[in-house]
Amino acid sequence: MVKSYSHGHEIYFDGNKWRYTDTNAAIDGQERACRRCGQMPTREGYDACLGHIAGATSACCGHGVEDPFVLLF
């Protein structure tokens, strides 16, 4: 089984869809708030606790699962 995380919530791929491990509900646009800060992503898709970081190509707060990171170009 393929597993990953979405905003700190464990998810798995059932062969057709990504689903939340705790409820088996399909993600299908049902984003959850970050497990770490409790906020939803911004309208632009940034982690709310980080916001826009000028010069960053990627950034993640870690969502309580990983260490945060910022990649600058």
Protein backbone atom coordinates (compact mmCIF):
# COMPACT_ATOMS: atom_id res chain seq x y z
CA MET A 1 0.00 0.00 0.00
CA VAL A 2 1.29 3.46 -0.90
CA LYS A 3 1.10 5.93 2.00
CA SER A 4 1.88 9.60 2.33
CA TYR A 5 0.69 12.70 4.21
CA SER A 6 -1.58 15.59 3.33
CA HIS A 7 -1.09 18.56 5.66
CA GLY A 8 0.06 16.16 8.39
CA HIS A 9 -2.80 13.68 8.00
CA GLU A 10 -1.80 10.19 6.90
CA ILE A 11 -3.28 9.17 3.54
CA TYR A 12 -3.08 6.05 1.38
CA PHE A 13 -3.74 5.20 -2.27
CA ASP A 14 -6.37 2.46 -2.69
CA GLY A 15 -5.51 1.90 -6.36
CA ASN A 16 -8.01 4.49 -7.58
CA LYS A 17 -8.13 7.35 -5.06
CA TRP A 18 -6.17 8.88 -2.22
CA ARG A 19 -7.95 8.39 1.12
CA TYR A 20 -7.47 9.54 4.71
CA THR A 21 -6.20 6.61 6.79
CA ASP A 22 -8.27 7.47 9.88
CA THR A 23 -11.68 7.69 8.14
CA ASN A 24 -11.14 6.00 4.74
CA ALA A 25 -12.82 9.08 3.21
CA ALA A 26 -11.56 9.99 -0.26
CA ILE A 27 -9.63 13.25 -0.32
CA ASP A 28 -11.39 14.43 -3.54
CA GLY A 29 -10.96 18.13 -2.72
CA GLN A 30 -11.82 17.70 0.98
CA GLU A 31 -8.67 19.31 2.32
CA ARG A 32 -8.16 19.29 6.06
CA ALA A 33 -6.48 21.91 8.20
CA CYS A 34 -2.80 21.47 9.04
CA ARG A 35 -2.29 19.11 11.99
CA ARG A 36 0.40 21.42 13.39
CA CYS A 37 -1.09 24.92 13.18
CA GLY A 38 -4.78 24.09 12.61
CA GLN A 39 -5.08 26.43 9.63
CA MET A 40 -6.17 25.73 6.07
CA PRO A 41 -3.79 26.49 3.17
CA THR A 42 -4.00 30.00 1.76
CA ARG A 43 -6.03 30.66 -1.39
CA GLU A 44 -2.75 30.45 -3.34
CA GLY A 45 -1.95 27.05 -1.77
CA TYR A 46 0.75 28.14 0.71
CA ASP A 47 0.98 26.72 4.22
CA ALA A 48 -0.89 29.35 6.23
CA CYS A 49 1.71 29.52 8.99
CA LEU A 50 4.44 30.27 6.41
CA GLY A 51 2.56 32.38 3.87
CA HIS A 52 4.40 33.64 0.78
CA ILE A 53 8.20 33.44 1.01
CA ALA A 54 9.86 35.60 -1.64
CA GLY A 55 12.36 33.63 -3.74
CA ALA A 56 11.18 30.22 -2.52
CA THR A 57 10.55 27.46 -5.06
CA SER A 58 9.17 25.15 -2.36
CA ALA A 59 8.37 25.47 1.34
CA CYS A 60 6.62 23.32 3.93
CA CYS A 61 5.99 23.81 7.65
CA GLY A 62 6.30 20.03 8.15
CA HIS A 63 2.72 19.75 9.44
CA GLY A 64 3.93 18.13 12.65
CA VAL A 65 5.27 15.12 10.73
CA GLU A 66 8.55 16.37 9.22
CA ASP A 67 10.97 19.21 9.84
CA PRO A 68 10.03 22.45 8.05
CA PHE A 69 12.03 23.44 4.96
CA VAL A 70 12.39 26.25 2.42
CA LEU A 71 14.09 25.86 -0.97
CA LEU A 72 15.30 29.10 -2.53
CA PHE A 73 16.41 29.53 -6.12
